[in-house]
Amino acid sequence: MSNKYPFVEDTLGKKLEAGTGLSVNCLTCKRRAVLGVAELVSRLGPDQPCLHWDLIKAIFCHECRAAGRDDRNLQFTNHAMTPEQRKSRTPCP
């Protein structure tokens, strides 16, 4: 990871480069999932913006959709790397 300042993590590609994680919580059914940033990059592209209003267009709760409930009542959480993870280059869980 290069030291680029100011640090900006506004696309999935930049999030992948930084090695940070992303999880999603469904506020309707209370389910939680850790998202694979590399998988999202391969599916949506590295230039896909990764702010809430950008991700809400591409991600939904499968359980709520199947049950006919609001499937886009989601909350996204960014996960930083710990110093130990930076040394080993292991992404956040």
N, C-alpha and C. Protein backbone atom coordinates (compact mmCIF):
# COMPACT_ATOMS: atom_id res chain seq x y z
N MET A 1 0.85 -1.17 0.00
CA MET A 1 0.00 0.00 0.00
C MET A 1 0.89 1.23 0.00
N SER A 2 0.63 2.12 -0.90
CA SER A 2 1.43 3.33 -0.98
C SER A 2 0.89 4.39 -0.02
N ASN A 3 1.75 5.30 0.35
CA ASN A 3 1.34 6.39 1.25
C ASN A 3 0.88 7.56 0.40
N LYS A 4 -0.42 7.61 0.13
CA LYS A 4 -1.00 8.68 -0.67
C LYS A 4 -1.82 9.57 0.25
N TYR A 5 -1.56 10.86 0.17
CA TYR A 5 -2.28 11.81 1.00
C TYR A 5 -2.87 12.87 0.12
N PRO A 6 -4.08 13.35 0.34
CA PRO A 6 -4.94 12.88 1.40
C PRO A 6 -5.48 11.49 1.06
N PHE A 7 -5.69 10.68 2.09
CA PHE A 7 -6.20 9.33 1.93
C PHE A 7 -7.67 9.38 1.54
N VAL A 8 -7.99 8.78 0.42
CA VAL A 8 -9.36 8.75 -0.06
C VAL A 8 -9.71 7.31 -0.41
N GLU A 9 -10.84 6.86 0.08
CA GLU A 9 -11.28 5.49 -0.16
C GLU A 9 -12.73 5.53 -0.65
N ASP A 10 -12.92 6.12 -1.82
CA ASP A 10 -14.27 6.34 -2.32
C ASP A 10 -14.70 5.39 -3.42
N THR A 11 -13.83 4.45 -3.81
CA THR A 11 -14.20 3.43 -4.79
C THR A 11 -13.82 2.06 -4.24
N LEU A 12 -14.41 1.02 -4.81
CA LEU A 12 -14.08 -0.33 -4.37
C LEU A 12 -12.61 -0.66 -4.66
N GLY A 13 -12.09 -0.16 -5.76
CA GLY A 13 -10.68 -0.40 -6.09
C GLY A 13 -9.74 0.21 -5.06
N LYS A 14 -10.03 1.41 -4.61
CA LYS A 14 -9.21 2.05 -3.58
C LYS A 14 -9.35 1.33 -2.25
N LYS A 15 -10.54 0.83 -1.96
CA LYS A 15 -10.78 0.07 -0.73
C LYS A 15 -9.97 -1.23 -0.78
N LEU A 16 -9.95 -1.89 -1.92
CA LEU A 16 -9.18 -3.12 -2.08
C LEU A 16 -7.69 -2.84 -1.94
N GLU A 17 -7.21 -1.76 -2.55
CA GLU A 17 -5.80 -1.37 -2.46
C GLU A 17 -5.41 -1.07 -1.01
N ALA A 18 -6.30 -0.43 -0.27
CA ALA A 18 -6.01 -0.09 1.13
C ALA A 18 -6.10 -1.33 2.03
N GLY A 19 -6.78 -2.37 1.56
CA GLY A 19 -6.91 -3.59 2.35
C GLY A 19 -7.94 -3.50 3.45
N THR A 20 -8.88 -2.58 3.31
CA THR A 20 -9.90 -2.44 4.35
C THR A 20 -11.10 -3.30 4.02
N GLY A 21 -11.94 -3.52 5.01
CA GLY A 21 -13.10 -4.40 4.85
C GLY A 21 -14.40 -3.63 4.84
N LEU A 22 -15.47 -4.35 4.57
CA LEU A 22 -16.79 -3.76 4.47
C LEU A 22 -17.81 -4.80 4.89
N SER A 23 -18.74 -4.39 5.74
CA SER A 23 -19.83 -5.28 6.12
C SER A 23 -21.15 -4.55 5.92
N VAL A 24 -22.24 -5.35 5.89
CA VAL A 24 -23.56 -4.77 5.68
C VAL A 24 -24.50 -5.37 6.72
N ASN A 25 -25.35 -4.52 7.27
CA ASN A 25 -26.38 -4.93 8.21
C ASN A 25 -27.74 -4.60 7.60
N CYS A 26 -28.64 -5.58 7.62
CA CYS A 26 -30.02 -5.33 7.19
C CYS A 26 -30.78 -4.83 8.42
N LEU A 27 -31.30 -3.63 8.33
CA LEU A 27 -32.01 -3.05 9.46
C LEU A 27 -33.44 -3.58 9.57
N THR A 28 -33.91 -4.30 8.54
CA THR A 28 -35.24 -4.89 8.57
C THR A 28 -35.22 -6.22 9.31
N CYS A 29 -34.36 -7.15 8.90
CA CYS A 29 -34.34 -8.50 9.49
C CYS A 29 -33.17 -8.73 10.44
N LYS A 30 -32.29 -7.74 10.59
CA LYS A 30 -31.15 -7.79 11.52
C LYS A 30 -30.04 -8.75 11.10
N ARG A 31 -30.02 -9.21 9.85
CA ARG A 31 -28.94 -10.06 9.39
C ARG A 31 -27.71 -9.20 9.13
N ARG A 32 -26.52 -9.84 9.22
CA ARG A 32 -25.25 -9.14 8.99
C ARG A 32 -24.39 -10.00 8.09
N ALA A 33 -23.65 -9.36 7.20
CA ALA A 33 -22.74 -10.09 6.32
C ALA A 33 -21.47 -9.28 6.12
N VAL A 34 -20.35 -9.97 6.11
CA VAL A 34 -19.07 -9.35 5.74
C VAL A 34 -18.96 -9.51 4.24
N LEU A 35 -18.73 -8.40 3.55
CA LEU A 35 -18.65 -8.42 2.10
C LEU A 35 -17.22 -8.64 1.65
N GLY A 36 -17.03 -9.43 0.62
CA GLY A 36 -15.71 -9.64 0.03
C GLY A 36 -15.41 -8.50 -0.94
N VAL A 37 -14.50 -7.62 -0.56
CA VAL A 37 -14.22 -6.45 -1.39
C VAL A 37 -13.67 -6.89 -2.75
N ALA A 38 -12.77 -7.89 -2.77
CA ALA A 38 -12.22 -8.36 -4.05
C ALA A 38 -13.32 -8.92 -4.94
N GLU A 39 -14.27 -9.63 -4.35
CA GLU A 39 -15.39 -10.18 -5.12
C GLU A 39 -16.26 -9.06 -5.68
N LEU A 40 -16.50 -8.02 -4.87
CA LEU A 40 -17.29 -6.87 -5.34
C LEU A 40 -16.57 -6.15 -6.49
N VAL A 41 -15.24 -6.04 -6.38
CA VAL A 41 -14.46 -5.39 -7.45
C VAL A 41 -14.60 -6.19 -8.74
N SER A 42 -14.51 -7.52 -8.65
CA SER A 42 -14.62 -8.32 -9.88
C SER A 42 -16.04 -8.26 -10.45
N ARG A 43 -17.04 -8.11 -9.59
CA ARG A 43 -18.43 -8.05 -10.05
C ARG A 43 -18.85 -6.67 -10.53
N LEU A 44 -18.46 -5.63 -9.78
CA LEU A 44 -18.93 -4.27 -10.06
C LEU A 44 -17.88 -3.36 -10.69
N GLY A 45 -16.60 -3.77 -10.62
CA GLY A 45 -15.51 -2.99 -11.19
C GLY A 45 -14.80 -2.14 -10.14
N PRO A 46 -13.52 -1.84 -10.36
CA PRO A 46 -12.73 -1.09 -9.38
C PRO A 46 -13.15 0.38 -9.25
N ASP A 47 -13.82 0.91 -10.26
CA ASP A 47 -14.24 2.32 -10.21
C ASP A 47 -15.62 2.51 -9.60
N GLN A 48 -16.24 1.42 -9.14
CA GLN A 48 -17.55 1.51 -8.48
C GLN A 48 -17.42 2.32 -7.19
N PRO A 49 -18.15 3.43 -7.08
CA PRO A 49 -18.12 4.17 -5.82
C PRO A 49 -18.61 3.29 -4.66
N CYS A 50 -18.04 3.48 -3.48
CA CYS A 50 -18.40 2.61 -2.35
C CYS A 50 -19.00 3.38 -1.17
N LEU A 51 -19.64 4.49 -1.47
CA LEU A 51 -20.37 5.19 -0.43
C LEU A 51 -21.77 4.57 -0.33
N HIS A 52 -22.45 4.82 0.78
CA HIS A 52 -23.75 4.19 1.03
C HIS A 52 -24.70 4.27 -0.15
N TRP A 53 -24.93 5.46 -0.67
CA TRP A 53 -25.93 5.63 -1.73
C TRP A 53 -25.52 4.98 -3.03
N ASP A 54 -24.24 4.69 -3.19
CA ASP A 54 -23.77 3.98 -4.38
C ASP A 54 -23.96 2.47 -4.21
N LEU A 55 -23.64 1.96 -3.03
CA LEU A 55 -23.75 0.52 -2.78
C LEU A 55 -25.20 0.06 -2.67
N ILE A 56 -26.07 0.92 -2.16
CA ILE A 56 -27.47 0.54 -1.96
C ILE A 56 -28.15 0.22 -3.31
N LYS A 57 -27.60 0.73 -4.40
CA LYS A 57 -28.15 0.46 -5.72
C LYS A 57 -27.78 -0.95 -6.21
N ALA A 58 -26.68 -1.51 -5.67
CA ALA A 58 -26.17 -2.78 -6.16
C ALA A 58 -26.35 -3.94 -5.19
N ILE A 59 -26.59 -3.65 -3.92
CA ILE A 59 -26.65 -4.69 -2.89
C ILE A 59 -28.02 -4.66 -2.22
N PHE A 60 -28.56 -5.84 -1.95
CA PHE A 60 -29.85 -5.94 -1.27
C PHE A 60 -29.84 -7.15 -0.36
N CYS A 61 -30.79 -7.23 0.55
CA CYS A 61 -30.93 -8.36 1.46
C CYS A 61 -31.75 -9.45 0.76
N HIS A 62 -31.13 -10.59 0.51
CA HIS A 62 -31.81 -11.70 -0.19
C HIS A 62 -32.98 -12.24 0.62
N GLU A 63 -32.80 -12.35 1.94
CA GLU A 63 -33.88 -12.88 2.80
C GLU A 63 -35.11 -11.99 2.77
N CYS A 64 -34.90 -10.68 2.89
CA CYS A 64 -36.03 -9.75 2.88
C CYS A 64 -36.70 -9.70 1.51
N ARG A 65 -35.91 -9.78 0.44
CA ARG A 65 -36.48 -9.78 -0.89
C ARG A 65 -37.37 -11.00 -1.09
N ALA A 66 -36.89 -12.16 -0.65
CA ALA A 66 -37.66 -13.40 -0.79
C ALA A 66 -38.96 -13.35 0.02
N ALA A 67 -38.94 -12.62 1.15
CA ALA A 67 -40.12 -12.53 2.00
C ALA A 67 -41.03 -11.36 1.62
N GLY A 68 -40.64 -10.58 0.61
CA GLY A 68 -41.46 -9.45 0.17
C GLY A 68 -41.33 -8.22 1.04
N ARG A 69 -40.27 -8.16 1.87
CA ARG A 69 -40.05 -6.99 2.73
C ARG A 69 -39.11 -5.99 2.04
N ASP A 70 -38.94 -4.83 2.66
CA ASP A 70 -37.99 -3.82 2.18
C ASP A 70 -36.59 -4.45 2.18
N ASP A 71 -36.00 -4.61 1.00
CA ASP A 71 -34.71 -5.29 0.89
C ASP A 71 -33.52 -4.34 0.74
N ARG A 72 -33.76 -3.05 0.85
CA ARG A 72 -32.67 -2.07 0.72
C ARG A 72 -32.53 -1.21 1.98
N ASN A 73 -33.03 -1.69 3.09
CA ASN A 73 -32.91 -0.98 4.37
C ASN A 73 -31.60 -1.42 5.02
N LEU A 74 -30.49 -0.97 4.43
CA LEU A 74 -29.17 -1.47 4.78
C LEU A 74 -28.28 -0.40 5.41
N GLN A 75 -27.35 -0.87 6.21
CA GLN A 75 -26.33 -0.01 6.82
C GLN A 75 -24.98 -0.64 6.51
N PHE A 76 -24.06 0.13 5.93
CA PHE A 76 -22.73 -0.36 5.59
C PHE A 76 -21.72 0.13 6.63
N THR A 77 -20.76 -0.73 6.96
CA THR A 77 -19.73 -0.39 7.93
C THR A 77 -18.36 -0.66 7.33
N ASN A 78 -17.49 0.33 7.39
CA ASN A 78 -16.11 0.17 6.93
C ASN A 78 -15.27 -0.38 8.07
N HIS A 79 -14.31 -1.23 7.74
CA HIS A 79 -13.42 -1.82 8.74
C HIS A 79 -11.98 -1.45 8.41
N ALA A 80 -11.29 -0.86 9.38
CA ALA A 80 -9.89 -0.50 9.20
C ALA A 80 -9.00 -1.69 9.48
N MET A 81 -7.76 -1.60 9.05
CA MET A 81 -6.78 -2.64 9.34
C MET A 81 -6.10 -2.34 10.66
N THR A 82 -5.83 -3.38 11.43
CA THR A 82 -5.05 -3.23 12.65
C THR A 82 -3.58 -3.18 12.27
N PRO A 83 -2.70 -2.69 13.15
CA PRO A 83 -1.26 -2.70 12.83
C PRO A 83 -0.74 -4.10 12.50
N GLU A 84 -1.26 -5.13 13.18
CA GLU A 84 -0.83 -6.50 12.90
C GLU A 84 -1.26 -6.93 11.50
N GLN A 85 -2.46 -6.54 11.10
CA GLN A 85 -2.95 -6.88 9.76
C GLN A 85 -2.14 -6.15 8.70
N ARG A 86 -1.72 -4.92 8.98
CA ARG A 86 -0.91 -4.18 8.02
C ARG A 86 0.41 -4.88 7.78
N LYS A 87 1.01 -5.42 8.86
CA LYS A 87 2.30 -6.11 8.73
C LYS A 87 2.15 -7.37 7.90
N SER A 88 1.09 -8.11 8.11
CA SER A 88 0.91 -9.38 7.40
C SER A 88 0.08 -9.21 6.12
N ARG A 89 -0.46 -8.02 5.89
CA ARG A 89 -1.30 -7.73 4.72
C ARG A 89 -2.53 -8.62 4.68
N THR A 90 -3.07 -8.96 5.86
CA THR A 90 -4.28 -9.74 5.94
C THR A 90 -5.47 -8.79 6.03
N PRO A 91 -6.44 -8.89 5.10
CA PRO A 91 -7.59 -8.00 5.15
C PRO A 91 -8.44 -8.24 6.40
N CYS A 92 -9.21 -7.25 6.75
CA CYS A 92 -10.10 -7.36 7.91
C CYS A 92 -11.13 -8.45 7.69
N PRO A 93 -11.60 -9.06 8.78
CA PRO A 93 -12.65 -10.07 8.66
C PRO A 93 -13.98 -9.42 8.33
